[in-house]
N, C-alpha and C. Protein backbone atom coordinates (compact mmCIF):
# COMPACT_ATOMS: atom_id res chain seq x y z
N MET A 1 10.93 -15.05 -5.96
CA MET A 1 10.63 -15.14 -4.91
C MET A 1 10.09 -13.56 -4.63
N THR A 2 8.97 -13.75 -4.44
CA THR A 2 7.57 -12.93 -4.21
C THR A 2 7.87 -12.36 -2.35
N LEU A 3 7.83 -10.86 -2.30
CA LEU A 3 7.74 -10.05 -1.44
C LEU A 3 6.59 -9.07 -1.47
N TYR A 4 6.54 -8.68 -0.26
CA TYR A 4 5.65 -7.51 -0.19
C TYR A 4 6.02 -6.44 0.49
N VAL A 5 5.71 -5.12 -0.39
CA VAL A 5 6.66 -4.04 0.28
C VAL A 5 5.47 -3.06 0.81
N ARG A 6 5.58 -2.44 2.00
CA ARG A 6 4.88 -1.30 2.27
C ARG A 6 5.39 0.18 2.70
N VAL A 7 5.01 0.81 2.59
CA VAL A 7 5.36 2.28 3.17
C VAL A 7 5.22 3.14 3.74
N LYS A 8 5.74 3.83 4.59
CA LYS A 8 4.94 4.61 5.77
C LYS A 8 5.79 5.28 6.20
N ALA A 9 4.97 6.61 6.40
CA ALA A 9 5.71 8.26 6.98
C ALA A 9 5.25 8.01 8.69
N MET A 10 6.17 8.20 9.32
CA MET A 10 6.11 8.53 11.00
C MET A 10 5.17 9.49 11.19
N SER A 11 5.35 10.98 10.12
CA SER A 11 3.96 12.01 10.13
C SER A 11 2.71 11.41 10.52
N SER A 12 2.66 10.49 9.65
CA SER A 12 1.44 10.48 8.76
C SER A 12 0.43 9.80 9.88
N ARG A 13 -0.81 10.18 9.53
CA ARG A 13 -1.88 9.79 10.92
C ARG A 13 -3.03 8.50 10.00
N LYS A 14 -2.45 8.38 8.70
CA LYS A 14 -3.15 7.33 8.10
C LYS A 14 -2.52 5.74 8.21
N PRO A 15 -2.89 5.06 8.18
CA PRO A 15 -2.43 3.85 8.16
C PRO A 15 -1.53 2.74 6.91
N VAL A 16 -0.68 2.14 7.49
CA VAL A 16 0.07 1.97 6.37
C VAL A 16 -0.05 1.73 5.42
N ILE A 17 0.11 1.99 4.03
CA ILE A 17 -0.28 2.09 2.50
C ILE A 17 -0.27 0.19 2.15
N GLU A 18 -1.48 -0.45 1.49
CA GLU A 18 -1.32 -1.48 1.38
C GLU A 18 -0.04 -2.39 0.97
N ARG A 19 -0.05 -3.59 1.15
CA ARG A 19 1.09 -4.32 0.32
C ARG A 19 0.91 -4.41 -0.66
N THR A 20 2.30 -4.41 -1.29
CA THR A 20 2.37 -4.66 -2.66
C THR A 20 3.22 -5.41 -3.07
N SER A 21 2.91 -6.17 -3.90
CA SER A 21 3.79 -7.69 -4.27
C SER A 21 4.86 -7.17 -4.94
N LEU A 22 6.12 -7.63 -5.07
CA LEU A 22 7.04 -7.15 -6.25
C LEU A 22 7.90 -9.37 -6.01
N THR A 23 8.33 -9.05 -7.18
CA THR A 23 8.51 -10.53 -7.60
C THR A 23 10.23 -9.99 -7.89
N ILE A 24 11.09 -10.80 -7.00
CA ILE A 24 12.25 -10.32 -7.39
C ILE A 24 13.57 -11.49 -8.34
N ASP A 25 14.41 -11.64 -8.80
CA ASP A 25 14.69 -12.89 -9.25
C ASP A 25 16.82 -13.82 -8.89
N THR A 26 16.58 -11.80 -7.94
CA THR A 26 18.20 -12.38 -7.17
C THR A 26 18.29 -12.17 -5.74
N GLN A 27 18.92 -12.36 -5.22
CA GLN A 27 19.08 -12.30 -4.10
C GLN A 27 20.02 -11.19 -3.51
N PRO A 28 19.14 -10.01 -3.03
CA PRO A 28 20.09 -8.96 -2.34
C PRO A 28 21.14 -9.26 -1.80
N ARG A 29 22.18 -8.27 -1.35
CA ARG A 29 23.40 -8.83 -0.65
C ARG A 29 23.19 -8.79 0.26
N ASN A 30 22.85 -7.24 0.68
CA ASN A 30 22.52 -6.41 1.67
C ASN A 30 21.26 -4.97 1.12
N ALA A 31 21.49 -4.08 2.31
CA ALA A 31 20.19 -3.15 1.97
C ALA A 31 20.15 -2.18 0.76
N GLN A 32 22.16 -1.83 0.09
CA GLN A 32 21.91 -1.02 -0.54
C GLN A 32 21.38 -1.76 -2.04
N ASP A 33 21.70 -3.19 -2.09
CA ASP A 33 21.36 -3.68 -3.20
C ASP A 33 19.80 -3.87 -3.08
N LEU A 34 19.16 -4.38 -2.06
CA LEU A 34 17.89 -4.18 -2.41
C LEU A 34 17.05 -2.88 -2.45
N ILE A 35 17.74 -1.54 -2.15
CA ILE A 35 17.22 -0.45 -2.46
C ILE A 35 17.16 0.27 -4.17
N THR A 36 18.41 -0.31 -4.62
CA THR A 36 18.40 -0.29 -6.35
C THR A 36 17.72 -1.53 -6.77
N TYR A 37 17.57 -2.30 -6.77
CA TYR A 37 16.68 -2.99 -7.26
C TYR A 37 15.50 -2.69 -7.03
N ILE A 38 14.53 -2.43 -5.86
CA ILE A 38 13.50 -1.96 -6.10
C ILE A 38 13.20 -0.17 -6.46
N VAL A 39 14.13 0.36 -6.68
CA VAL A 39 14.07 1.40 -6.89
C VAL A 39 14.36 1.52 -8.61
N ARG A 40 15.06 0.54 -9.11
CA ARG A 40 14.87 -0.16 -10.69
C ARG A 40 13.62 -0.03 -10.84
N GLN A 41 12.96 -0.93 -10.24
CA GLN A 41 11.48 -1.87 -11.08
C GLN A 41 10.52 -0.86 -10.61
N THR A 42 10.97 0.18 -9.97
CA THR A 42 9.55 1.04 -9.36
C THR A 42 10.05 2.60 -10.81
N VAL A 43 10.95 2.17 -10.99
CA VAL A 43 11.65 4.06 -11.96
C VAL A 43 13.02 3.44 -13.04
N PRO A 44 12.39 2.87 -13.74
CA PRO A 44 12.73 2.53 -14.77
C PRO A 44 13.64 3.31 -15.61
N GLY A 45 15.31 2.86 -15.89
CA GLY A 45 16.05 3.90 -16.79
C GLY A 45 16.20 5.20 -16.08
N ASP A 46 16.31 5.37 -14.45
CA ASP A 46 16.64 6.50 -13.90
C ASP A 46 17.79 6.22 -12.89
N ALA A 47 19.10 6.56 -13.30
CA ALA A 47 20.35 6.31 -11.94
C ALA A 47 20.40 7.29 -11.01
N ALA A 48 19.63 8.28 -11.47
CA ALA A 48 19.60 9.57 -10.89
C ALA A 48 18.59 9.05 -9.23
N ALA A 49 17.95 8.39 -9.52
CA ALA A 49 16.41 8.16 -8.61
C ALA A 49 17.17 6.85 -7.68
N VAL A 50 18.08 6.09 -8.32
CA VAL A 50 18.92 5.47 -7.59
C VAL A 50 19.76 5.67 -6.33
N GLN A 51 20.61 7.02 -6.66
CA GLN A 51 21.50 7.25 -6.56
C GLN A 51 21.08 8.49 -4.98
N ASN A 52 20.11 8.86 -5.63
CA ASN A 52 18.77 9.49 -4.26
C ASN A 52 18.57 8.77 -3.34
N ALA A 53 18.16 7.81 -3.44
CA ALA A 53 17.91 6.87 -3.06
C ALA A 53 18.55 6.19 -1.86
N LEU A 54 19.79 6.15 -2.51
CA LEU A 54 20.49 5.23 -1.59
C LEU A 54 21.16 6.32 -0.37
N THR A 55 21.19 7.61 -0.85
CA THR A 55 21.67 8.67 -0.63
C THR A 55 20.85 9.15 0.84
N SER A 56 19.73 9.07 0.03
CA SER A 56 18.63 9.01 1.64
C SER A 56 18.56 7.61 2.44
N PHE A 57 18.93 7.11 1.96
CA PHE A 57 18.80 5.77 2.87
C PHE A 57 19.97 6.02 4.22
N GLU A 58 21.44 6.36 3.22
CA GLU A 58 22.59 6.69 4.66
C GLU A 58 22.79 7.82 5.24
N ASP A 59 22.07 9.15 4.80
CA ASP A 59 21.34 9.85 5.57
C ASP A 59 20.31 9.73 6.62
N GLY A 60 20.24 8.49 6.69
CA GLY A 60 18.64 8.75 7.62
C GLY A 60 17.89 9.13 7.56
N LEU A 61 17.21 9.01 6.13
CA LEU A 61 16.00 9.73 5.81
C LEU A 61 15.22 8.68 6.16
N PHE A 62 15.35 7.53 6.02
CA PHE A 62 14.21 6.19 5.88
C PHE A 62 14.78 5.16 6.63
N ARG A 63 14.20 4.16 7.02
CA ARG A 63 14.74 3.10 7.70
C ARG A 63 14.30 1.57 7.10
N ILE A 64 14.72 0.90 6.66
CA ILE A 64 14.03 -0.60 6.26
C ILE A 64 13.84 -1.51 7.17
N PHE A 65 12.94 -2.37 7.15
CA PHE A 65 12.44 -3.28 8.57
C PHE A 65 12.28 -4.59 7.18
N ILE A 66 12.64 -5.69 7.63
CA ILE A 66 12.41 -7.00 7.08
C ILE A 66 11.01 -7.70 7.79
N ASN A 67 10.55 -8.04 7.86
CA ASN A 67 9.59 -9.15 9.09
C ASN A 67 9.86 -7.80 10.08
N ASP A 68 9.36 -6.70 10.66
CA ASP A 68 9.58 -6.26 11.52
C ASP A 68 11.02 -6.17 12.31
N ASN A 69 12.27 -6.38 11.68
CA ASN A 69 13.55 -6.23 11.80
C ASN A 69 14.28 -4.97 11.43
N GLU A 70 14.97 -4.32 11.73
CA GLU A 70 15.26 -2.88 11.05
C GLU A 70 16.48 -3.99 10.62
N ILE A 71 16.76 -3.38 9.25
CA ILE A 71 18.66 -4.26 8.50
C ILE A 71 19.20 -3.05 9.09
N GLU A 72 20.67 -3.06 8.95
CA GLU A 72 21.94 -2.35 8.44
C GLU A 72 21.89 -1.95 7.85
N PRO A 73 22.54 -0.79 7.37
CA PRO A 73 23.43 -0.80 6.24
C PRO A 73 24.37 -1.87 5.26
N ASP A 74 25.40 -1.84 6.20
CA ASP A 74 26.48 -3.29 6.19
C ASP A 74 26.12 -4.23 6.41
N LEU A 75 25.02 -4.78 6.90
CA LEU A 75 25.06 -5.82 7.45
C LEU A 75 24.91 -6.62 6.10
N PRO A 76 24.93 -8.05 5.70
CA PRO A 76 24.11 -9.11 4.98
C PRO A 76 22.69 -9.04 5.53
N ILE A 77 21.90 -9.06 4.42
CA ILE A 77 20.25 -9.56 4.66
C ILE A 77 20.14 -11.20 3.73
N VAL A 78 19.28 -11.76 4.54
CA VAL A 78 18.70 -12.91 3.78
C VAL A 78 17.32 -12.60 3.65
N LEU A 79 16.46 -12.67 2.43
CA LEU A 79 15.10 -12.87 2.30
C LEU A 79 14.71 -14.08 1.37
N ARG A 80 13.68 -14.38 1.96
CA ARG A 80 12.58 -15.69 1.72
C ARG A 80 11.12 -15.21 1.00
N ASP A 81 11.09 -16.38 0.48
CA ASP A 81 9.68 -15.79 -0.33
C ASP A 81 8.07 -15.27 0.58
N GLU A 82 7.76 -14.19 0.76
CA GLU A 82 6.62 -13.82 1.13
C GLU A 82 7.00 -13.12 2.12
N ASP A 83 8.54 -12.54 1.90
CA ASP A 83 8.72 -11.63 3.78
C ASP A 83 8.24 -10.05 3.16
N GLU A 84 8.06 -9.47 4.32
CA GLU A 84 7.49 -7.95 4.03
C GLU A 84 8.34 -7.41 4.53
N ILE A 85 8.65 -6.23 3.79
CA ILE A 85 9.80 -5.08 3.44
C ILE A 85 8.86 -4.06 3.69
N CYS A 86 9.13 -3.12 5.19
CA CYS A 86 8.68 -1.53 5.26
C CYS A 86 9.90 -0.88 5.26
N PHE A 87 9.19 0.13 4.12
CA PHE A 87 10.37 1.61 3.83
C PHE A 87 9.30 2.44 5.35
N LEU A 88 10.27 3.13 6.03
CA LEU A 88 9.32 3.74 7.07
C LEU A 88 10.56 4.97 6.96
N ARG A 89 9.51 5.92 6.39
CA ARG A 89 10.09 7.30 5.73
C ARG A 89 10.23 8.44 7.55
N LEU A 90 11.37 8.54 7.62
CA LEU A 90 11.58 9.95 9.11
C LEU A 90 10.74 10.67 9.09
N THR A 91 10.75 11.80 9.84
CA THR A 91 10.20 13.16 9.71
C THR A 91 11.07 13.99 10.31
N MET A 92 11.57 15.05 9.93
CA MET A 92 12.34 15.73 10.60
C MET A 92 11.61 16.60 11.68
N LEU A 93 12.46 16.93 12.61
CA LEU A 93 11.64 17.98 13.86
C LEU A 93 12.09 19.38 13.11
N ALA A 94 11.08 20.30 13.93
CA ALA A 94 11.39 21.56 13.30
C ALA A 94 10.99 22.38 14.26
N GLY A 95 11.63 23.66 14.42
CA GLY A 95 11.22 24.64 15.09
C GLY A 95 11.75 24.81 16.43
N ARG A 96 11.43 25.42 17.68
CA ARG A 96 11.97 25.78 18.52
C ARG A 96 11.37 24.81 20.05
N ILE A 97 11.99 25.25 21.08
CA ILE A 97 11.15 24.50 22.58
C ILE A 97 11.08 25.57 22.99
N TRP A 98 9.89 25.53 23.66
CA TRP A 98 9.19 26.89 24.02
C TRP A 98 9.42 26.60 25.91
């Protein structure tokens, strides 16, 4: 199955990073499986990277959208060929309100 992945930061004025194709062999059951699979494909042999990505997702530092629909951490997901996955990195606000 071929998927397309995009990464976007909320604070960035730049447009969305170009689509990158990713071929997966198995159907992920939930968001955690999807994150684990993608991190292992992009950072091979680094278990710490997988744990860091999972912790960041649980802490709400980024959201995942499949075809513009946000996925929830505990709900099952169904991916189809040529679905678009968007990782949206959120920005923490800092400073004071005047």
